PDB file of N, CA and C in Angstrom:
ATOM      1  N   UNK A   1     -29.945 122.196 -37.718  1.00  0.00           N
ATOM      2  CA  UNK A   1     -28.499 122.126 -37.890  1.00  0.00           C
ATOM      3  C   UNK A   1     -27.954 120.807 -37.320  1.00  0.00           C
ATOM      4  N   UNK A   2     -28.430 120.388 -36.173  1.00  0.00           N
ATOM      5  CA  UNK A   2     -27.976 119.136 -35.567  1.00  0.00           C
ATOM      6  C   UNK A   2     -28.915 117.974 -35.872  1.00  0.00           C
ATOM      7  N   UNK A   3     -29.872 118.188 -36.737  1.00  0.00           N
ATOM      8  CA  UNK A   3     -30.869 117.178 -37.066  1.00  0.00           C
ATOM      9  C   UNK A   3     -30.242 115.871 -37.576  1.00  0.00           C
ATOM     10  N   UNK A   4     -29.180 115.883 -38.392  1.00  0.00           N
ATOM     11  CA  UNK A   4     -28.615 114.608 -38.864  1.00  0.00           C
ATOM     12  C   UNK A   4     -28.010 113.755 -37.750  1.00  0.00           C
ATOM     13  N   UNK A   5     -27.653 114.367 -36.628  1.00  0.00           N
ATOM     14  CA  UNK A   5     -27.023 113.643 -35.535  1.00  0.00           C
ATOM     15  C   UNK A   5     -28.022 113.052 -34.553  1.00  0.00           C
ATOM     16  N   UNK A   6     -29.293 113.348 -34.698  1.00  0.00           N
ATOM     17  CA  UNK A   6     -30.302 112.873 -33.771  1.00  0.00           C
ATOM     18  C   UNK A   6     -30.358 111.346 -33.675  1.00  0.00           C
ATOM     19  N   UNK A   7     -30.340 110.585 -34.780  1.00  0.00           N
ATOM     20  CA  UNK A   7     -30.337 109.119 -34.638  1.00  0.00           C
ATOM     21  C   UNK A   7     -29.119 108.596 -33.893  1.00  0.00           C
ATOM     22  N   UNK A   8     -27.967 109.208 -34.124  1.00  0.00           N
ATOM     23  CA  UNK A   8     -26.747 108.783 -33.431  1.00  0.00           C
ATOM     24  C   UNK A   8     -26.858 109.056 -31.929  1.00  0.00           C
ATOM     25  N   UNK A   9     -27.355 110.214 -31.568  1.00  0.00           N
ATOM     26  CA  UNK A   9     -27.507 110.553 -30.150  1.00  0.00           C
ATOM     27  C   UNK A   9     -28.523 109.628 -29.489  1.00  0.00           C
ATOM     28  N   UNK A  10     -29.614 109.353 -30.184  1.00  0.00           N
ATOM     29  CA  UNK A  10     -30.616 108.439 -29.626  1.00  0.00           C
ATOM     30  C   UNK A  10     -30.062 107.035 -29.456  1.00  0.00           C
ATOM     31  N   UNK A  11     -29.279 106.554 -30.406  1.00  0.00           N
ATOM     32  CA  UNK A  11     -28.688 105.216 -30.301  1.00  0.00           C
ATOM     33  C   UNK A  11     -27.697 105.151 -29.142  1.00  0.00           C
ATOM     34  N   UNK A  12     -26.910 106.213 -28.958  1.00  0.00           N
ATOM     35  CA  UNK A  12     -25.967 106.228 -27.840  1.00  0.00           C
ATOM     36  C   UNK A  12     -26.702 106.280 -26.504  1.00  0.00           C
ATOM     37  N   UNK A  13     -27.791 107.035 -26.443  1.00  0.00           N
ATOM     38  CA  UNK A  13     -28.578 107.088 -25.218  1.00  0.00           C
ATOM     39  C   UNK A  13     -29.220 105.733 -24.926  1.00  0.00           C
ATOM     40  N   UNK A  14     -29.727 105.079 -25.951  1.00  0.00           N
ATOM     41  CA  UNK A  14     -30.316 103.758 -25.772  1.00  0.00           C
ATOM     42  C   UNK A  14     -29.267 102.743 -25.298  1.00  0.00           C
ATOM     43  N   UNK A  15     -28.078 102.787 -25.889  1.00  0.00           N
ATOM     44  CA  UNK A  15     -26.999 101.880 -25.475  1.00  0.00           C
ATOM     45  C   UNK A  15     -26.590 102.152 -24.028  1.00  0.00           C
ATOM     46  N   UNK A  16     -26.481 103.414 -23.651  1.00  0.00           N
ATOM     47  CA  UNK A  16     -26.128 103.751 -22.276  1.00  0.00           C
ATOM     48  C   UNK A  16     -27.189 103.308 -21.285  1.00  0.00           C
ATOM     49  N   UNK A  17     -28.462 103.501 -21.651  1.00  0.00           N
ATOM     50  CA  UNK A  17     -29.548 103.076 -20.765  1.00  0.00           C
ATOM     51  C   UNK A  17     -29.564 101.554 -20.610  1.00  0.00           C
ATOM     52  N   UNK A  18     -29.336 100.846 -21.706  1.00  0.00           N
ATOM     53  CA  UNK A  18     -29.295  99.383 -21.632  1.00  0.00           C
ATOM     54  C   UNK A  18     -28.137  98.911 -20.756  1.00  0.00           C
ATOM     55  N   UNK A  19     -26.963  99.519 -20.902  1.00  0.00           N
ATOM     56  CA  UNK A  19     -25.806  99.134 -20.085  1.00  0.00           C
ATOM     57  C   UNK A  19     -26.082  99.417 -18.606  1.00  0.00           C
ATOM     58  N   UNK A  20     -26.626 100.578 -18.312  1.00  0.00           N
ATOM     59  CA  UNK A  20     -26.919 100.918 -16.919  1.00  0.00           C
ATOM     60  C   UNK A  20     -27.957  99.967 -16.335  1.00  0.00           C
ATOM     61  N   UNK A  21     -29.019  99.688 -17.085  1.00  0.00           N
ATOM     62  CA  UNK A  21     -30.059  98.783 -16.620  1.00  0.00           C
ATOM     63  C   UNK A  21     -29.503  97.383 -16.380  1.00  0.00           C
ATOM     64  N   UNK A  22     -28.643  96.900 -17.285  1.00  0.00           N
ATOM     65  CA  UNK A  22     -28.082  95.560 -17.139  1.00  0.00           C
ATOM     66  C   UNK A  22     -27.212  95.442 -15.892  1.00  0.00           C
ATOM     67  N   UNK A  23     -26.377  96.431 -15.672  1.00  0.00           N
ATOM     68  CA  UNK A  23     -25.488  96.393 -14.512  1.00  0.00           C
ATOM     69  C   UNK A  23     -26.274  96.575 -13.216  1.00  0.00           C
ATOM     70  N   UNK A  24     -27.265  97.463 -13.234  1.00  0.00           N
ATOM     71  CA  UNK A  24     -28.028  97.733 -12.014  1.00  0.00           C
ATOM     72  C   UNK A  24     -28.960  96.577 -11.638  1.00  0.00           C
ATOM     73  N   UNK A  25     -29.481  95.862 -12.624  1.00  0.00           N
ATOM     74  CA  UNK A  25     -30.436  94.798 -12.310  1.00  0.00           C
ATOM     75  C   UNK A  25     -29.775  93.436 -12.079  1.00  0.00           C
ATOM     76  N   UNK A  26     -28.531  93.268 -12.438  1.00  0.00           N
ATOM     77  CA  UNK A  26     -27.872  91.965 -12.310  1.00  0.00           C
ATOM     78  C   UNK A  26     -27.832  91.437 -10.874  1.00  0.00           C
ATOM     79  N   UNK A  27     -27.477  92.233  -9.876  1.00  0.00           N
ATOM     80  CA  UNK A  27     -27.440  91.683  -8.519  1.00  0.00           C
ATOM     81  C   UNK A  27     -28.814  91.259  -7.995  1.00  0.00           C
ATOM     82  N   UNK A  28     -29.867  91.836  -8.520  1.00  0.00           N
ATOM     83  CA  UNK A  28     -31.209  91.549  -8.010  1.00  0.00           C
ATOM     84  C   UNK A  28     -31.892  90.401  -8.741  1.00  0.00           C
ATOM     85  N   UNK A  29     -31.469  90.101  -9.951  1.00  0.00           N
ATOM     86  CA  UNK A  29     -32.157  89.084 -10.748  1.00  0.00           C
ATOM     87  C   UNK A  29     -31.406  87.760 -10.828  1.00  0.00           C
ATOM     88  N   UNK A  30     -30.121  87.755 -10.573  1.00  0.00           N
ATOM     89  CA  UNK A  30     -29.336  86.529 -10.708  1.00  0.00           C
ATOM     90  C   UNK A  30     -29.487  85.601  -9.517  1.00  0.00           C
ATOM     91  N   UNK A  31     -29.205  84.311  -9.719  1.00  0.00           N
ATOM     92  CA  UNK A  31     -29.278  83.369  -8.595  1.00  0.00           C
ATOM     93  C   UNK A  31     -28.135  83.605  -7.613  1.00  0.00           C
ATOM     94  N   UNK A  32     -28.378  83.265  -6.376  1.00  0.00           N
ATOM     95  CA  UNK A  32     -27.368  83.461  -5.332  1.00  0.00           C
ATOM     96  C   UNK A  32     -26.947  82.103  -4.788  1.00  0.00           C
ATOM     97  N   UNK A  33     -26.220  81.367  -5.568  1.00  0.00           N
ATOM     98  CA  UNK A  33     -25.701  80.065  -5.136  1.00  0.00           C
ATOM     99  C   UNK A  33     -24.179  80.169  -5.085  1.00  0.00           C
ATOM    100  N   UNK A  34     -23.672  80.542  -3.953  1.00  0.00           N
ATOM    101  CA  UNK A  34     -22.233  80.694  -3.796  1.00  0.00           C
ATOM    102  C   UNK A  34     -21.630  79.369  -3.352  1.00  0.00           C
ATOM    103  N   UNK A  35     -20.506  79.023  -3.941  1.00  0.00           N
ATOM    104  CA  UNK A  35     -19.740  77.872  -3.489  1.00  0.00           C
ATOM    105  C   UNK A  35     -18.260  78.195  -3.670  1.00  0.00           C
ATOM    106  N   UNK A  36     -17.417  77.304  -3.241  1.00  0.00           N
ATOM    107  CA  UNK A  36     -15.975  77.557  -3.247  1.00  0.00           C
ATOM    108  C   UNK A  36     -15.450  77.742  -4.663  1.00  0.00           C
ATOM    109  N   UNK A  37     -15.958  76.948  -5.606  1.00  0.00           N
ATOM    110  CA  UNK A  37     -15.462  77.033  -6.979  1.00  0.00           C
ATOM    111  C   UNK A  37     -15.791  78.378  -7.615  1.00  0.00           C
ATOM    112  N   UNK A  38     -16.935  78.950  -7.314  1.00  0.00           N
ATOM    113  CA  UNK A  38     -17.297  80.238  -7.890  1.00  0.00           C
ATOM    114  C   UNK A  38     -16.470  81.378  -7.307  1.00  0.00           C
ATOM    115  N   UNK A  39     -16.029  81.235  -6.080  1.00  0.00           N
ATOM    116  CA  UNK A  39     -15.264  82.297  -5.445  1.00  0.00           C
ATOM    117  C   UNK A  39     -13.776  82.214  -5.763  1.00  0.00           C
ATOM    118  N   UNK A  40     -13.320  81.093  -6.325  1.00  0.00           N
ATOM    119  CA  UNK A  40     -11.918  80.965  -6.701  1.00  0.00           C
ATOM    120  C   UNK A  40     -11.644  81.746  -7.981  1.00  0.00           C
ATOM    121  N   UNK A  41     -10.390  82.140  -8.138  1.00  0.00           N
ATOM    122  CA  UNK A  41      -9.987  82.831  -9.361  1.00  0.00           C
ATOM    123  C   UNK A  41      -9.919  81.830 -10.510  1.00  0.00           C
ATOM    124  N   UNK A  42     -10.416  82.236 -11.663  1.00  0.00           N
ATOM    125  CA  UNK A  42     -10.361  81.385 -12.857  1.00  0.00           C
ATOM    126  C   UNK A  42      -9.281  81.930 -13.764  1.00  0.00           C
ATOM    127  N   UNK A  43      -8.289  81.112 -14.052  1.00  0.00           N
ATOM    128  CA  UNK A  43      -7.157  81.558 -14.847  1.00  0.00           C
ATOM    129  C   UNK A  43      -6.937  80.643 -16.041  1.00  0.00           C
ATOM    130  N   UNK A  44      -7.488  80.957 -17.142  1.00  0.00           N
ATOM    131  CA  UNK A  44      -7.196  80.325 -18.430  1.00  0.00           C
ATOM    132  C   UNK A  44      -7.413  78.818 -18.439  1.00  0.00           C
ATOM    133  N   UNK A  45      -8.378  78.318 -17.747  1.00  0.00           N
ATOM    134  CA  UNK A  45      -8.690  76.897 -17.802  1.00  0.00           C
ATOM    135  C   UNK A  45      -7.820  76.016 -16.945  1.00  0.00           C
ATOM    136  N   UNK A  46      -6.922  76.585 -16.171  1.00  0.00           N
ATOM    137  CA  UNK A  46      -6.061  75.790 -15.299  1.00  0.00           C
ATOM    138  C   UNK A  46      -6.868  75.390 -14.075  1.00  0.00           C
ATOM    139  N   UNK A  47      -6.855  74.115 -13.765  1.00  0.00           N
ATOM    140  CA  UNK A  47      -7.587  73.633 -12.598  1.00  0.00           C
ATOM    141  C   UNK A  47      -6.960  74.192 -11.330  1.00  0.00           C
ATOM    142  N   UNK A  48      -7.764  74.761 -10.445  1.00  0.00           N
ATOM    143  CA  UNK A  48      -7.200  75.254  -9.193  1.00  0.00           C
ATOM    144  C   UNK A  48      -6.731  74.083  -8.334  1.00  0.00           C
ATOM    145  N   UNK A  49      -5.597  74.254  -7.715  1.00  0.00           N
ATOM    146  CA  UNK A  49      -5.052  73.198  -6.868  1.00  0.00           C
ATOM    147  C   UNK A  49      -5.111  73.656  -5.411  1.00  0.00           C
ATOM    148  N   UNK A  50      -5.205  72.703  -4.500  1.00  0.00           N
ATOM    149  CA  UNK A  50      -5.260  73.096  -3.086  1.00  0.00           C
ATOM    150  C   UNK A  50      -3.908  73.573  -2.561  1.00  0.00           C
ATOM    151  N   UNK A  51      -2.833  73.288  -3.292  1.00  0.00           N
ATOM    152  CA  UNK A  51      -1.501  73.680  -2.853  1.00  0.00           C
ATOM    153  C   UNK A  51      -1.182  75.069  -3.392  1.00  0.00           C
ATOM    154  N   UNK A  52      -0.562  75.901  -2.574  1.00  0.00           N
ATOM    155  CA  UNK A  52      -0.230  77.236  -3.064  1.00  0.00           C
ATOM    156  C   UNK A  52       0.837  77.165  -4.155  1.00  0.00           C
ATOM    157  N   UNK A  53       0.681  78.010  -5.144  1.00  0.00           N
ATOM    158  CA  UNK A  53       1.657  78.099  -6.235  1.00  0.00           C
ATOM    159  C   UNK A  53       2.775  79.029  -5.795  1.00  0.00           C
ATOM    160  N   UNK A  54       3.973  78.751  -6.265  1.00  0.00           N
ATOM    161  CA  UNK A  54       5.113  79.588  -5.921  1.00  0.00           C
ATOM    162  C   UNK A  54       4.824  81.016  -6.380  1.00  0.00           C
ATOM    163  N   UNK A  55       5.053  81.972  -5.531  1.00  0.00           N
ATOM    164  CA  UNK A  55       4.795  83.362  -5.865  1.00  0.00           C
ATOM    165  C   UNK A  55       3.423  83.835  -5.415  1.00  0.00           C
ATOM    166  N   UNK A  56       2.752  83.081  -4.572  1.00  0.00           N
ATOM    167  CA  UNK A  56       1.473  83.521  -4.040  1.00  0.00           C
ATOM    168  C   UNK A  56       0.289  83.232  -4.935  1.00  0.00           C
ATOM    169  N   UNK A  57       0.418  82.317  -5.878  1.00  0.00           N
ATOM    170  CA  UNK A  57      -0.702  81.968  -6.728  1.00  0.00           C
ATOM    171  C   UNK A  57      -0.896  82.892  -7.906  1.00  0.00           C
ATOM    172  N   UNK A  58       0.070  83.682  -8.214  1.00  0.00           N
ATOM    173  CA  UNK A  58      -0.052  84.599  -9.348  1.00  0.00           C
ATOM    174  C   UNK A  58       0.248  83.872 -10.645  1.00  0.00           C
ATOM    175  N   UNK A  59      -0.382  84.334 -11.696  1.00  0.00           N
ATOM    176  CA  UNK A  59      -0.178  83.736 -13.011  1.00  0.00           C
ATOM    177  C   UNK A  59       1.105  84.284 -13.624  1.00  0.00           C
ATOM    178  N   UNK A  60       1.751  83.472 -14.461  1.00  0.00           N
ATOM    179  CA  UNK A  60       2.957  83.968 -15.135  1.00  0.00           C
ATOM    180  C   UNK A  60       2.629  85.139 -16.062  1.00  0.00           C
ATOM    181  N   UNK A  61       3.611  85.994 -16.254  1.00  0.00           N
ATOM    182  CA  UNK A  61       3.432  87.173 -17.092  1.00  0.00           C
ATOM    183  C   UNK A  61       3.163  86.782 -18.541  1.00  0.00           C
ATOM    184  N   UNK A  62       3.588  85.596 -18.954  1.00  0.00           N
ATOM    185  CA  UNK A  62       3.395  85.161 -20.337  1.00  0.00           C
ATOM    186  C   UNK A  62       1.919  85.130 -20.722  1.00  0.00           C
ATOM    187  N   UNK A  63       1.041  84.827 -19.781  1.00  0.00           N
ATOM    188  CA  UNK A  63      -0.397  84.837 -20.077  1.00  0.00           C
ATOM    189  C   UNK A  63      -0.841  86.235 -20.490  1.00  0.00           C
ATOM    190  N   UNK A  64      -0.402  87.233 -19.742  1.00  0.00           N
ATOM    191  CA  UNK A  64      -0.833  88.594 -20.005  1.00  0.00           C
ATOM    192  C   UNK A  64      -0.172  89.144 -21.261  1.00  0.00           C
ATOM    193  N   UNK A  65       1.085  88.789 -21.514  1.00  0.00           N
ATOM    194  CA  UNK A  65       1.736  89.208 -22.749  1.00  0.00           C
ATOM    195  C   UNK A  65       1.030  88.625 -23.963  1.00  0.00           C
ATOM    196  N   UNK A  66       0.639  87.364 -23.864  1.00  0.00           N
ATOM    197  CA  UNK A  66      -0.089  86.743 -24.966  1.00  0.00           C
ATOM    198  C   UNK A  66      -1.417  87.448 -25.197  1.00  0.00           C
ATOM    199  N   UNK A  67      -2.099  87.801 -24.141  1.00  0.00           N
ATOM    200  CA  UNK A  67      -3.375  88.510 -24.279  1.00  0.00           C
ATOM    201  C   UNK A  67      -3.178  89.877 -24.916  1.00  0.00           C
ATOM    202  N   UNK A  68      -2.141  90.593 -24.503  1.00  0.00           N
ATOM    203  CA  UNK A  68      -1.888  91.910 -25.086  1.00  0.00           C
ATOM    204  C   UNK A  68      -1.500  91.798 -26.556  1.00  0.00           C
ATOM    205  N   UNK A  69      -0.719  90.791 -26.913  1.00  0.00           N
ATOM    206  CA  UNK A  69      -0.369  90.604 -28.317  1.00  0.00           C
ATOM    207  C   UNK A  69      -1.592  90.252 -29.151  1.00  0.00           C
ATOM    208  N   UNK A  70      -2.478  89.448 -28.592  1.00  0.00           N
ATOM    209  CA  UNK A  70      -3.715  89.135 -29.301  1.00  0.00           C
ATOM    210  C   UNK A  70      -4.512  90.405 -29.569  1.00  0.00           C
ATOM    211  N   UNK A  71      -4.614  91.266 -28.568  1.00  0.00           N
ATOM    212  CA  UNK A  71      -5.350  92.512 -28.741  1.00  0.00           C
ATOM    213  C   UNK A  71      -4.668  93.394 -29.781  1.00  0.00           C
ATOM    214  N   UNK A  72      -3.349  93.452 -29.754  1.00  0.00           N
ATOM    215  CA  UNK A  72      -2.605  94.261 -30.721  1.00  0.00           C
ATOM    216  C   UNK A  72      -2.898  93.816 -32.145  1.00  0.00           C
ATOM    217  N   UNK A  73      -2.825  92.531 -32.414  1.00  0.00           N
ATOM    218  CA  UNK A  73      -3.027  92.055 -33.774  1.00  0.00           C
ATOM    219  C   UNK A  73      -4.512  92.024 -34.135  1.00  0.00           C
ATOM    220  N   UNK A  74      -5.382  91.943 -33.159  1.00  0.00           N
ATOM    221  CA  UNK A  74      -6.808  92.047 -33.419  1.00  0.00           C
ATOM    222  C   UNK A  74      -7.146  93.464 -33.870  1.00  0.00           C
ATOM    223  N   UNK A  75      -6.576  94.454 -33.203  1.00  0.00           N
ATOM    224  CA  UNK A  75      -6.804  95.844 -33.588  1.00  0.00           C
ATOM    225  C   UNK A  75      -6.205  96.111 -34.965  1.00  0.00           C
ATOM    226  N   UNK A  76      -5.078  95.510 -35.251  1.00  0.00           N
ATOM    227  CA  UNK A  76      -4.483  95.667 -36.579  1.00  0.00           C
ATOM    228  C   UNK A  76      -5.450  95.169 -37.649  1.00  0.00           C
ATOM    229  N   UNK A  77      -6.068  94.036 -37.413  1.00  0.00           N
ATOM    230  CA  UNK A  77      -7.015  93.491 -38.380  1.00  0.00           C
ATOM    231  C   UNK A  77      -8.213  94.419 -38.547  1.00  0.00           C
ATOM    232  N   UNK A  78      -8.678  95.004 -37.461  1.00  0.00           N
ATOM    233  CA  UNK A  78      -9.816  95.921 -37.538  1.00  0.00           C
ATOM    234  C   UNK A  78      -9.467  97.138 -38.385  1.00  0.00           C
ATOM    235  N   UNK A  79      -8.232  97.605 -38.322  1.00  0.00           N
ATOM    236  CA  UNK A  79      -7.843  98.751 -39.130  1.00  0.00           C
ATOM    237  C   UNK A  79      -7.556  98.374 -40.584  1.00  0.00           C
ATOM    238  N   UNK A  80      -7.206  97.125 -40.846  1.00  0.00           N
ATOM    239  CA  UNK A  80      -6.905  96.728 -42.221  1.00  0.00           C
ATOM    240  C   UNK A  80      -8.158  96.487 -43.056  1.00  0.00           C
ATOM    241  N   UNK A  81      -9.268  96.099 -42.454  1.00  0.00           N
ATOM    242  CA  UNK A  81     -10.486  95.841 -43.221  1.00  0.00           C
ATOM    243  C   UNK A  81     -10.999  97.083 -43.947  1.00  0.00           C
ATOM    244  N   UNK A  82     -11.129  98.240 -43.285  1.00  0.00           N
ATOM    245  CA  UNK A  82     -11.594  99.414 -44.036  1.00  0.00           C
ATOM    246  C   UNK A  82     -10.639  99.792 -45.164  1.00  0.00           C
ATOM    247  N   UNK A  83      -9.349  99.599 -44.948  1.00  0.00           N
ATOM    248  CA  UNK A  83      -8.400  99.894 -46.024  1.00  0.00           C
ATOM    249  C   UNK A  83      -8.639  98.977 -47.213  1.00  0.00           C
ATOM    250  N   UNK A  84      -8.880  97.701 -46.948  1.00  0.00           N
ATOM    251  CA  UNK A  84      -9.104  96.758 -48.042  1.00  0.00           C
ATOM    252  C   UNK A  84     -10.343  97.117 -48.842  1.00  0.00           C
ATOM    253  N   UNK A  85     -11.341  97.679 -48.189  1.00  0.00           N
ATOM    254  CA  UNK A  85     -12.575  98.041 -48.883  1.00  0.00           C
ATOM    255  C   UNK A  85     -12.370  99.273 -49.756  1.00  0.00           C
ATOM    256  N   UNK A  86     -11.594 100.237 -49.273  1.00  0.00           N
ATOM    257  CA  UNK A  86     -11.434 101.500 -50.002  1.00  0.00           C
ATOM    258  C   UNK A  86     -10.057 101.666 -50.626  1.00  0.00           C
ATOM    259  N   UNK A  87      -9.341 100.583 -50.856  1.00  0.00           N
ATOM    260  CA  UNK A  87      -7.964 100.680 -51.355  1.00  0.00           C
ATOM    261  C   UNK A  87      -7.891 101.362 -52.707  1.00  0.00           C
ATOM    262  N   UNK A  88      -8.835 101.106 -53.599  1.00  0.00           N
ATOM    263  CA  UNK A  88      -8.782 101.696 -54.946  1.00  0.00           C
ATOM    264  C   UNK A  88      -8.959 103.208 -54.909  1.00  0.00           C
ATOM    265  N   UNK A  89      -9.840 103.684 -54.076  1.00  0.00           N
ATOM    266  CA  UNK A  89     -10.118 105.121 -54.055  1.00  0.00           C
ATOM    267  C   UNK A  89      -9.054 105.920 -53.297  1.00  0.00           C
ATOM    268  N   UNK A  90      -8.247 105.280 -52.477  1.00  0.00           N
ATOM    269  CA  UNK A  90      -7.234 106.012 -51.705  1.00  0.00           C
ATOM    270  C   UNK A  90      -5.981 106.319 -52.508  1.00  0.00           C
ATOM    271  N   UNK A  91      -5.683 105.500 -53.480  1.00  0.00           N
ATOM    272  CA  UNK A  91      -4.537 105.767 -54.335  1.00  0.00           C
ATOM    273  C   UNK A  91      -3.206 105.602 -53.624  1.00  0.00           C
ATOM    274  N   UNK A  92      -2.244 106.413 -54.058  1.00  0.00           N
ATOM    275  CA  UNK A  92      -0.878 106.332 -53.522  1.00  0.00           C
ATOM    276  C   UNK A  92      -0.827 106.732 -52.051  1.00  0.00           C
ATOM    277  N   UNK A  93      -1.641 107.721 -51.660  1.00  0.00           N
ATOM    278  CA  UNK A  93      -1.671 108.139 -50.259  1.00  0.00           C
ATOM    279  C   UNK A  93      -2.057 106.972 -49.351  1.00  0.00           C
ATOM    280  N   UNK A  94      -3.095 106.239 -49.733  1.00  0.00           N
ATOM    281  CA  UNK A  94      -3.532 105.096 -48.945  1.00  0.00           C
ATOM    282  C   UNK A  94      -2.479 104.012 -48.872  1.00  0.00           C
ATOM    283  N   UNK A  95      -1.789 103.781 -49.978  1.00  0.00           N
ATOM    284  CA  UNK A  95      -0.726 102.771 -49.990  1.00  0.00           C
ATOM    285  C   UNK A  95       0.399 103.139 -49.032  1.00  0.00           C
ATOM    286  N   UNK A  96       0.812 104.409 -49.067  1.00  0.00           N
ATOM    287  CA  UNK A  96       1.892 104.849 -48.176  1.00  0.00           C
ATOM    288  C   UNK A  96       1.444 104.732 -46.721  1.00  0.00           C
ATOM    289  N   UNK A  97       0.214 105.141 -46.424  1.00  0.00           N
ATOM    290  CA  UNK A  97      -0.281 105.074 -45.054  1.00  0.00           C
ATOM    291  C   UNK A  97      -0.357 103.639 -44.544  1.00  0.00           C
ATOM    292  N   UNK A  98      -0.832 102.730 -45.369  1.00  0.00           N
ATOM    293  CA  UNK A  98      -0.966 101.344 -44.903  1.00  0.00           C
ATOM    294  C   UNK A  98       0.400 100.680 -44.776  1.00  0.00           C
ATOM    295  N   UNK A  99       1.347 101.043 -45.624  1.00  0.00           N
ATOM    296  CA  UNK A  99       2.705 100.501 -45.491  1.00  0.00           C
ATOM    297  C   UNK A  99       3.328 101.005 -44.181  1.00  0.00           C
ATOM    298  N   UNK A 100       3.123 102.273 -43.856  1.00  0.00           N
ATOM    299  CA  UNK A 100       3.639 102.793 -42.583  1.00  0.00           C
ATOM    300  C   UNK A 100       2.965 102.113 -41.392  1.00  0.00           C
ATOM    301  N   UNK A 101       1.676 101.866 -41.488  1.00  0.00           N
ATOM    302  CA  UNK A 101       0.959 101.188 -40.406  1.00  0.00           C
ATOM    303  C   UNK A 101       1.465  99.771 -40.216  1.00  0.00           C
ATOM    304  N   UNK A 102       1.604  99.025 -41.307  1.00  0.00           N
ATOM    305  CA  UNK A 102       2.086  97.645 -41.211  1.00  0.00           C
ATOM    306  C   UNK A 102       3.537  97.616 -40.734  1.00  0.00           C
ATOM    307  N   UNK A 103       4.338  98.593 -41.155  1.00  0.00           N
ATOM    308  CA  UNK A 103       5.725  98.650 -40.685  1.00  0.00           C
ATOM    309  C   UNK A 103       5.784  98.907 -39.181  1.00  0.00           C
ATOM    310  N   UNK A 104       4.932  99.793 -38.694  1.00  0.00           N
ATOM    311  CA  UNK A 104       4.901 100.076 -37.257  1.00  0.00           C
ATOM    312  C   UNK A 104       4.512  98.832 -36.463  1.00  0.00           C
ATOM    313  N   UNK A 105       3.475  98.154 -36.906  1.00  0.00           N
ATOM    314  CA  UNK A 105       3.059  96.929 -36.219  1.00  0.00           C
ATOM    315  C   UNK A 105       4.126  95.853 -36.370  1.00  0.00           C
ATOM    316  N   UNK A 106       4.770  95.794 -37.527  1.00  0.00           N
ATOM    317  CA  UNK A 106       5.850  94.825 -37.743  1.00  0.00           C
ATOM    318  C   UNK A 106       7.028  95.073 -36.811  1.00  0.00           C
ATOM    319  N   UNK A 107       7.371  96.339 -36.602  1.00  0.00           N
ATOM    320  CA  UNK A 107       8.457  96.654 -35.669  1.00  0.00           C
ATOM    321  C   UNK A 107       8.086  96.240 -34.247  1.00  0.00           C
ATOM    322  N   UNK A 108       6.833  96.449 -33.867  1.00  0.00           N
ATOM    323  CA  UNK A 108       6.388  96.017 -32.540  1.00  0.00           C
ATOM    324  C   UNK A 108       6.467  94.499 -32.420  1.00  0.00           C
ATOM    325  N   UNK A 109       6.062  93.802 -33.473  1.00  0.00           N
ATOM    326  CA  UNK A 109       6.122  92.340 -33.474  1.00  0.00           C
ATOM    327  C   UNK A 109       7.566  91.859 -33.358  1.00  0.00           C
ATOM    328  N   UNK A 110       8.489  92.450 -34.113  1.00  0.00           N
ATOM    329  CA  UNK A 110       9.903  92.060 -34.064  1.00  0.00           C
ATOM    330  C   UNK A 110      10.483  92.360 -32.680  1.00  0.00           C
ATOM    331  N   UNK A 111      10.107  93.497 -32.104  1.00  0.00           N
ATOM    332  CA  UNK A 111      10.580  93.847 -30.762  1.00  0.00           C
ATOM    333  C   UNK A 111      10.158  92.799 -29.739  1.00  0.00           C
ATOM    334  N   UNK A 112       8.870  92.429 -29.782  1.00  0.00           N
ATOM    335  CA  UNK A 112       8.374  91.431 -28.835  1.00  0.00           C
ATOM    336  C   UNK A 112       9.047  90.091 -29.092  1.00  0.00           C
ATOM    337  N   UNK A 113       9.248  89.743 -30.325  1.00  0.00           N
ATOM    338  CA  UNK A 113       9.885  88.476 -30.691  1.00  0.00           C
ATOM    339  C   UNK A 113      11.322  88.426 -30.167  1.00  0.00           C
ATOM    340  N   UNK A 114      12.066  89.526 -30.378  1.00  0.00           N
ATOM    341  CA  UNK A 114      13.467  89.566 -29.928  1.00  0.00           C
ATOM    342  C   UNK A 114      13.575  89.564 -28.405  1.00  0.00           C
ATOM    343  N   UNK A 115      12.591  90.142 -27.712  1.00  0.00           N
ATOM    344  CA  UNK A 115      12.617  90.177 -26.252  1.00  0.00           C
ATOM    345  C   UNK A 115      12.146  88.874 -25.634  1.00  0.00           C
ATOM    346  N   UNK A 116      11.672  87.925 -26.449  1.00  0.00           N
ATOM    347  CA  UNK A 116      11.251  86.627 -25.937  1.00  0.00           C
ATOM    348  C   UNK A 116       9.800  86.584 -25.507  1.00  0.00           C
ATOM    349  N   UNK A 117       9.003  87.549 -25.950  1.00  0.00           N
ATOM    350  CA  UNK A 117       7.602  87.586 -25.561  1.00  0.00           C
ATOM    351  C   UNK A 117       6.771  86.476 -26.180  1.00  0.00           C
ATOM    352  N   UNK A 118       7.263  85.860 -27.245  1.00  0.00           N
ATOM    353  CA  UNK A 118       6.523  84.793 -27.901  1.00  0.00           C
ATOM    354  C   UNK A 118       6.975  83.412 -27.467  1.00  0.00           C
ATOM    355  N   UNK A 119       7.999  83.332 -26.652  1.00  0.00           N
ATOM    356  CA  UNK A 119       8.487  82.045 -26.153  1.00  0.00           C
ATOM    357  C   UNK A 119       7.638  81.601 -24.982  1.00  0.00           C
ATOM    358  N   UNK A 120       7.091  80.413 -25.086  1.00  0.00           N
ATOM    359  CA  UNK A 120       6.263  79.878 -24.012  1.00  0.00           C
ATOM    360  C   UNK A 120       7.151  79.029 -23.110  1.00  0.00           C
ATOM    361  N   UNK A 121       7.407  79.493 -21.910  1.00  0.00           N
ATOM    362  CA  UNK A 121       8.363  78.825 -21.021  1.00  0.00           C
ATOM    363  C   UNK A 121       7.681  77.904 -20.076  1.00  0.00           C
TER     364      UNK A 121
END
């Protein structure tokens, strides 16, 4: 009864074992050359300065908003590809669903745009 799921379960077990092995063996196999540059925070290619930044060295929120917007539109693209492949077989139902999906993402985009999330200050 569960025979068709055996390859999927084995693949998930293999992926989990590989992830566990990679994380567990990393501290023991990697080089241990610590220096000041490696211990500093790396923020989007900005050169670290010896002078403290106003606000305690925190990055502006615009960096994180840009990252979240990238993820939002990346996920949108991931959902649009399967629709493009099966658009003919879905018919009117598929068209209505994809229009609602694009409208929802469009409203989110307009909201962020109106709130100034796309303005780089």
